[in-house]
PDB file of all heavy atoms in Angstrom:
ATOM      1  N   LYS A   1      81.004 117.621 101.698  1.00  0.00           N
ATOM      2  CA  LYS A   1      80.717 117.649 103.139  1.00  0.00           C
ATOM      3  C   LYS A   1      80.884 116.260 103.768  1.00  0.00           C
ATOM      4  O   LYS A   1      81.447 116.148 104.822  1.00  0.00           O
ATOM      5  CB  LYS A   1      79.270 118.145 103.337  1.00  0.00           C
ATOM      6  CG  LYS A   1      78.921 118.241 104.834  1.00  0.00           C
ATOM      7  CD  LYS A   1      77.947 119.329 105.137  1.00  0.00           C
ATOM      8  CE  LYS A   1      77.544 119.386 106.568  1.00  0.00           C
ATOM      9  NZ  LYS A   1      78.568 119.804 107.477  1.00  0.00           N
ATOM     10  N   ARG A   2      80.424 115.234 103.040  1.00  0.00           N
ATOM     11  CA  ARG A   2      80.576 113.872 103.595  1.00  0.00           C
ATOM     12  C   ARG A   2      82.009 113.518 103.909  1.00  0.00           C
ATOM     13  O   ARG A   2      82.342 112.793 104.813  1.00  0.00           O
ATOM     14  CB  ARG A   2      79.963 112.885 102.585  1.00  0.00           C
ATOM     15  CG  ARG A   2      79.915 111.440 103.138  1.00  0.00           C
ATOM     16  CD  ARG A   2      79.156 110.473 102.261  1.00  0.00           C
ATOM     17  NE  ARG A   2      79.653 110.391 100.924  1.00  0.00           N
ATOM     18  CZ  ARG A   2      79.039 110.829  99.838  1.00  0.00           C
ATOM     19  NH1 ARG A   2      77.851 111.352  99.848  1.00  0.00           N
ATOM     20  NH2 ARG A   2      79.633 110.624  98.630  1.00  0.00           N
ATOM     21  N   HIS A   3      82.927 114.045 103.100  1.00  0.00           N
ATOM     22  CA  HIS A   3      84.382 113.783 103.241  1.00  0.00           C
ATOM     23  C   HIS A   3      85.116 114.827 104.086  1.00  0.00           C
ATOM     24  O   HIS A   3      86.314 114.718 104.309  1.00  0.00           O
ATOM     25  CB  HIS A   3      85.038 113.574 101.911  1.00  0.00           C
ATOM     26  CG  HIS A   3      84.536 112.403 101.212  1.00  0.00           C
ATOM     27  ND1 HIS A   3      84.973 111.065 101.478  1.00  0.00           N
ATOM     28  CD2 HIS A   3      83.556 112.214 100.234  1.00  0.00           C
ATOM     29  CE1 HIS A   3      84.340 110.251 100.731  1.00  0.00           C
ATOM     30  NE2 HIS A   3      83.508 110.901  99.914  1.00  0.00           N
ATOM     31  N   GLY A   4      84.390 115.904 104.492  1.00  0.00           N
ATOM     32  CA  GLY A   4      85.011 116.881 105.345  1.00  0.00           C
ATOM     33  C   GLY A   4      85.843 117.890 104.588  1.00  0.00           C
ATOM     34  O   GLY A   4      86.798 118.470 105.148  1.00  0.00           O
ATOM     35  N   ILE A   5      85.535 118.077 103.298  1.00  0.00           N
ATOM     36  CA  ILE A   5      86.350 118.963 102.471  1.00  0.00           C
ATOM     37  C   ILE A   5      85.736 120.301 102.503  1.00  0.00           C
ATOM     38  O   ILE A   5      84.519 120.492 102.247  1.00  0.00           O
ATOM     39  CB  ILE A   5      86.435 118.403 101.003  1.00  0.00           C
ATOM     40  CG1 ILE A   5      87.114 117.075 101.039  1.00  0.00           C
ATOM     41  CG2 ILE A   5      87.036 119.400 100.101  1.00  0.00           C
ATOM     42  CD1 ILE A   5      86.992 116.261  99.743  1.00  0.00           C
ATOM     43  N   SER A   6      86.548 121.358 102.723  1.00  0.00           N
ATOM     44  CA  SER A   6      85.996 122.705 102.886  1.00  0.00           C
ATOM     45  C   SER A   6      85.916 123.462 101.609  1.00  0.00           C
ATOM     46  O   SER A   6      85.018 124.293 101.426  1.00  0.00           O
ATOM     47  CB  SER A   6      86.846 123.506 103.902  1.00  0.00           C
ATOM     48  OG  SER A   6      88.153 123.610 103.430  1.00  0.00           O
ATOM     49  N   HIS A   7      86.838 123.213 100.669  1.00  0.00           N
ATOM     50  CA  HIS A   7      86.876 123.988  99.417  1.00  0.00           C
ATOM     51  C   HIS A   7      87.172 123.053  98.219  1.00  0.00           C
ATOM     52  O   HIS A   7      87.973 122.130  98.364  1.00  0.00           O
ATOM     53  CB  HIS A   7      87.893 125.070  99.531  1.00  0.00           C
ATOM     54  CG  HIS A   7      87.554 126.126 100.518  1.00  0.00           C
ATOM     55  ND1 HIS A   7      87.691 125.967 101.858  1.00  0.00           N
ATOM     56  CD2 HIS A   7      87.023 127.406 100.333  1.00  0.00           C
ATOM     57  CE1 HIS A   7      87.315 127.037 102.489  1.00  0.00           C
ATOM     58  NE2 HIS A   7      86.925 127.917 101.522  1.00  0.00           N
ATOM     59  N   LEU A   8      86.615 123.434  97.099  1.00  0.00           N
ATOM     60  CA  LEU A   8      86.856 122.778  95.845  1.00  0.00           C
ATOM     61  C   LEU A   8      87.466 123.776  94.889  1.00  0.00           C
ATOM     62  O   LEU A   8      86.917 124.879  94.711  1.00  0.00           O
ATOM     63  CB  LEU A   8      85.578 122.226  95.260  1.00  0.00           C
ATOM     64  CG  LEU A   8      85.636 121.557  93.837  1.00  0.00           C
ATOM     65  CD1 LEU A   8      86.452 120.274  93.919  1.00  0.00           C
ATOM     66  CD2 LEU A   8      84.306 121.330  93.285  1.00  0.00           C
ATOM     67  N   VAL A   9      88.584 123.406  94.303  1.00  0.00           N
ATOM     68  CA  VAL A   9      89.252 124.287  93.295  1.00  0.00           C
ATOM     69  C   VAL A   9      89.235 123.506  91.987  1.00  0.00           C
ATOM     70  O   VAL A   9      89.701 122.428  91.919  1.00  0.00           O
ATOM     71  CB  VAL A   9      90.717 124.561  93.728  1.00  0.00           C
ATOM     72  CG1 VAL A   9      91.360 125.431  92.681  1.00  0.00           C
ATOM     73  CG2 VAL A   9      90.725 125.271  95.081  1.00  0.00           C
ATOM     74  N   ARG A  10      88.757 124.196  90.949  1.00  0.00           N
ATOM     75  CA  ARG A  10      88.688 123.608  89.636  1.00  0.00           C
ATOM     76  C   ARG A  10      89.911 123.976  88.829  1.00  0.00           C
ATOM     77  O   ARG A  10      90.319 125.133  88.814  1.00  0.00           O
ATOM     78  CB  ARG A  10      87.425 124.032  88.937  1.00  0.00           C
ATOM     79  CG  ARG A  10      86.180 123.436  89.585  1.00  0.00           C
ATOM     80  CD  ARG A  10      84.907 123.868  88.888  1.00  0.00           C
ATOM     81  NE  ARG A  10      83.776 123.171  89.352  1.00  0.00           N
ATOM     82  CZ  ARG A  10      83.093 123.478  90.465  1.00  0.00           C
ATOM     83  NH1 ARG A  10      83.520 124.507  91.176  1.00  0.00           N
ATOM     84  NH2 ARG A  10      82.050 122.788  90.818  1.00  0.00           N
ATOM     85  N   LYS A  11      90.459 123.038  88.081  1.00  0.00           N
ATOM     86  CA  LYS A  11      91.512 123.273  87.167  1.00  0.00           C
ATOM     87  C   LYS A  11      90.953 123.791  85.859  1.00  0.00           C
ATOM     88  O   LYS A  11      89.872 123.355  85.507  1.00  0.00           O
ATOM     89  CB  LYS A  11      92.307 121.997  86.876  1.00  0.00           C
ATOM     90  CG  LYS A  11      93.059 121.383  88.043  1.00  0.00           C
ATOM     91  CD  LYS A  11      93.677 120.056  87.634  1.00  0.00           C
ATOM     92  CE  LYS A  11      94.193 119.308  88.740  1.00  0.00           C
ATOM     93  NZ  LYS A  11      94.681 117.979  88.340  1.00  0.00           N
ATOM     94  N   PRO A  12      91.614 124.610  85.134  1.00  0.00           N
ATOM     95  CA  PRO A  12      92.905 125.221  85.470  1.00  0.00           C
ATOM     96  C   PRO A  12      92.596 126.315  86.528  1.00  0.00           C
ATOM     97  O   PRO A  12      91.559 126.896  86.598  1.00  0.00           O
ATOM     98  CB  PRO A  12      93.409 125.793  84.217  1.00  0.00           C
ATOM     99  CG  PRO A  12      92.204 126.061  83.333  1.00  0.00           C
ATOM    100  CD  PRO A  12      91.187 125.047  83.810  1.00  0.00           C
ATOM    101  N   MET A  13      93.646 126.695  87.268  1.00  0.00           N
ATOM    102  CA  MET A  13      93.558 127.745  88.295  1.00  0.00           C
ATOM    103  C   MET A  13      94.684 128.737  88.159  1.00  0.00           C
ATOM    104  O   MET A  13      95.707 128.363  87.526  1.00  0.00           O
ATOM    105  CB  MET A  13      93.509 127.129  89.681  1.00  0.00           C
ATOM    106  CG  MET A  13      94.865 126.597  90.060  1.00  0.00           C
ATOM    107  SD  MET A  13      94.818 125.598  91.538  1.00  0.00           S
ATOM    108  CE  MET A  13      94.972 124.012  90.769  1.00  0.00           C
ATOM    109  N   VAL A  14      94.507 129.889  88.682  1.00  0.00           N
ATOM    110  CA  VAL A  14      95.619 130.838  88.739  1.00  0.00           C
ATOM    111  C   VAL A  14      96.114 130.990  90.137  1.00  0.00           C
ATOM    112  O   VAL A  14      95.379 130.747  91.082  1.00  0.00           O
ATOM    113  CB  VAL A  14      95.199 132.217  88.109  1.00  0.00           C
ATOM    114  CG1 VAL A  14      94.899 132.093  86.629  1.00  0.00           C
ATOM    115  CG2 VAL A  14      94.066 132.822  88.865  1.00  0.00           C
ATOM    116  N   ARG A  15      97.302 131.364  90.321  1.00  0.00           N
ATOM    117  CA  ARG A  15      97.966 131.411  91.612  1.00  0.00           C
ATOM    118  C   ARG A  15      97.187 132.300  92.592  1.00  0.00           C
ATOM    119  O   ARG A  15      96.998 131.974  93.769  1.00  0.00           O
ATOM    120  CB  ARG A  15      99.371 131.950  91.453  1.00  0.00           C
ATOM    121  CG  ARG A  15     100.127 131.811  92.744  1.00  0.00           C
ATOM    122  CD  ARG A  15     101.587 132.320  92.621  1.00  0.00           C
ATOM    123  NE  ARG A  15     102.103 132.072  91.262  1.00  0.00           N
ATOM    124  CZ  ARG A  15     103.256 132.603  90.835  1.00  0.00           C
ATOM    125  NH1 ARG A  15     103.969 133.353  91.661  1.00  0.00           N
ATOM    126  NH2 ARG A  15     103.671 132.382  89.641  1.00  0.00           N
ATOM    127  N   ALA A  16      96.703 133.427  92.143  1.00  0.00           N
ATOM    128  CA  ALA A  16      95.969 134.367  93.058  1.00  0.00           C
ATOM    129  C   ALA A  16      94.693 133.712  93.562  1.00  0.00           C
ATOM    130  O   ALA A  16      94.347 133.861  94.736  1.00  0.00           O
ATOM    131  CB  ALA A  16      95.633 135.676  92.297  1.00  0.00           C
ATOM    132  N   ASP A  17      93.988 132.967  92.678  1.00  0.00           N
ATOM    133  CA  ASP A  17      92.774 132.273  93.160  1.00  0.00           C
ATOM    134  C   ASP A  17      93.111 131.203  94.167  1.00  0.00           C
ATOM    135  O   ASP A  17      92.377 131.031  95.139  1.00  0.00           O
ATOM    136  CB  ASP A  17      92.057 131.678  91.967  1.00  0.00           C
ATOM    137  CG  ASP A  17      91.454 132.716  91.042  1.00  0.00           C
ATOM    138  OD1 ASP A  17      91.273 133.904  91.480  1.00  0.00           O
ATOM    139  OD2 ASP A  17      91.115 132.401  89.894  1.00  0.00           O
ATOM    140  N   MET A  18      94.187 130.455  93.945  1.00  0.00           N
ATOM    141  CA  MET A  18      94.574 129.401  94.871  1.00  0.00           C
ATOM    142  C   MET A  18      94.983 130.038  96.195  1.00  0.00           C
ATOM    143  O   MET A  18      94.624 129.492  97.276  1.00  0.00           O
ATOM    144  CB  MET A  18      95.723 128.594  94.276  1.00  0.00           C
ATOM    145  CG  MET A  18      96.057 127.363  95.089  1.00  0.00           C
ATOM    146  SD  MET A  18      94.696 126.213  94.961  1.00  0.00           S
ATOM    147  CE  MET A  18      94.994 125.205  96.396  1.00  0.00           C
ATOM    148  N   ALA A  19      95.707 131.114  96.180  1.00  0.00           N
ATOM    149  CA  ALA A  19      96.092 131.815  97.408  1.00  0.00           C
ATOM    150  C   ALA A  19      94.848 132.246  98.206  1.00  0.00           C
ATOM    151  O   ALA A  19      94.818 132.089  99.420  1.00  0.00           O
ATOM    152  CB  ALA A  19      96.997 132.995  97.106  1.00  0.00           C
ATOM    153  N   ALA A  20      93.849 132.764  97.499  1.00  0.00           N
ATOM    154  CA  ALA A  20      92.598 133.217  98.189  1.00  0.00           C
ATOM    155  C   ALA A  20      91.906 132.013  98.810  1.00  0.00           C
ATOM    156  O   ALA A  20      91.376 132.125  99.950  1.00  0.00           O
ATOM    157  CB  ALA A  20      91.715 133.915  97.186  1.00  0.00           C
ATOM    158  N   VAL A  21      91.859 130.892  98.163  1.00  0.00           N
ATOM    159  CA  VAL A  21      91.222 129.687  98.683  1.00  0.00           C
ATOM    160  C   VAL A  21      91.963 129.210  99.932  1.00  0.00           C
ATOM    161  O   VAL A  21      91.349 128.844 100.923  1.00  0.00           O
ATOM    162  CB  VAL A  21      91.129 128.593  97.619  1.00  0.00           C
ATOM    163  CG1 VAL A  21      90.684 127.252  98.247  1.00  0.00           C
ATOM    164  CG2 VAL A  21      90.102 128.967  96.561  1.00  0.00           C
ATOM    165  N   ILE A  22      93.270 129.201  99.863  1.00  0.00           N
ATOM    166  CA  ILE A  22      94.096 128.777 101.024  1.00  0.00           C
ATOM    167  C   ILE A  22      93.787 129.694 102.203  1.00  0.00           C
ATOM    168  O   ILE A  22      93.548 129.178 103.329  1.00  0.00           O
ATOM    169  CB  ILE A  22      95.580 128.716 100.692  1.00  0.00           C
ATOM    170  CG1 ILE A  22      95.834 127.610  99.712  1.00  0.00           C
ATOM    171  CG2 ILE A  22      96.451 128.615 101.932  1.00  0.00           C
ATOM    172  CD1 ILE A  22      97.212 127.616  99.077  1.00  0.00           C
ATOM    173  N   ARG A  23      93.805 130.998 101.981  1.00  0.00           N
ATOM    174  CA  ARG A  23      93.578 131.912 103.095  1.00  0.00           C
ATOM    175  C   ARG A  23      92.190 131.724 103.684  1.00  0.00           C
ATOM    176  O   ARG A  23      91.990 131.648 104.894  1.00  0.00           O
ATOM    177  CB  ARG A  23      93.685 133.352 102.560  1.00  0.00           C
ATOM    178  CG  ARG A  23      93.432 134.461 103.589  1.00  0.00           C
ATOM    179  CD  ARG A  23      94.595 134.599 104.604  1.00  0.00           C
ATOM    180  NE  ARG A  23      94.410 133.698 105.728  1.00  0.00           N
ATOM    181  CZ  ARG A  23      95.406 133.242 106.458  1.00  0.00           C
ATOM    182  NH1 ARG A  23      96.672 133.582 106.209  1.00  0.00           N
ATOM    183  NH2 ARG A  23      95.185 132.452 107.508  1.00  0.00           N
ATOM    184  N   GLU A  24      91.148 131.568 102.816  1.00  0.00           N
ATOM    185  CA  GLU A  24      89.777 131.311 103.309  1.00  0.00           C
ATOM    186  C   GLU A  24      89.651 129.997 104.048  1.00  0.00           C
ATOM    187  O   GLU A  24      89.045 129.974 105.092  1.00  0.00           O
ATOM    188  CB  GLU A  24      88.826 131.325 102.076  1.00  0.00           C
ATOM    189  CG  GLU A  24      87.388 131.222 102.515  1.00  0.00           C
ATOM    190  CD  GLU A  24      86.455 131.284 101.320  1.00  0.00           C
ATOM    191  OE1 GLU A  24      86.703 132.049 100.387  1.00  0.00           O
ATOM    192  OE2 GLU A  24      85.409 130.596 101.368  1.00  0.00           O
ATOM    193  N   ALA A  25      90.280 128.965 103.547  1.00  0.00           N
ATOM    194  CA  ALA A  25      90.241 127.671 104.237  1.00  0.00           C
ATOM    195  C   ALA A  25      90.873 127.731 105.593  1.00  0.00           C
ATOM    196  O   ALA A  25      90.335 127.156 106.545  1.00  0.00           O
ATOM    197  CB  ALA A  25      90.921 126.625 103.377  1.00  0.00           C
ATOM    198  N   LEU A  26      91.942 128.455 105.744  1.00  0.00           N
ATOM    199  CA  LEU A  26      92.592 128.570 107.043  1.00  0.00           C
ATOM    200  C   LEU A  26      91.804 129.445 108.028  1.00  0.00           C
ATOM    201  O   LEU A  26      91.867 129.273 109.233  1.00  0.00           O
ATOM    202  CB  LEU A  26      94.036 129.107 106.866  1.00  0.00           C
ATOM    203  CG  LEU A  26      95.030 128.162 106.243  1.00  0.00           C
ATOM    204  CD1 LEU A  26      96.325 128.845 105.903  1.00  0.00           C
ATOM    205  CD2 LEU A  26      95.282 126.941 107.124  1.00  0.00           C
ATOM    206  N   ASP A  27      91.078 130.421 107.500  1.00  0.00           N
ATOM    207  CA  ASP A  27      90.308 131.316 108.326  1.00  0.00           C
ATOM    208  C   ASP A  27      88.993 130.770 108.786  1.00  0.00           C
ATOM    209  O   ASP A  27      88.410 131.215 109.779  1.00  0.00           O
ATOM    210  CB  ASP A  27      90.077 132.634 107.618  1.00  0.00           C
ATOM    211  CG  ASP A  27      91.336 133.493 107.418  1.00  0.00           C
ATOM    212  OD1 ASP A  27      92.360 133.161 108.178  1.00  0.00           O
ATOM    213  OD2 ASP A  27      91.369 134.375 106.623  1.00  0.00           O
TER     214      ASP A  27
END
């Protein structure tokens, strides 16, 4: 929050999870 970051993704990740985070972040 202090840095204005909306989402944290932990490695390793799968493409579908990353796509969901991107969609949520944009919405």
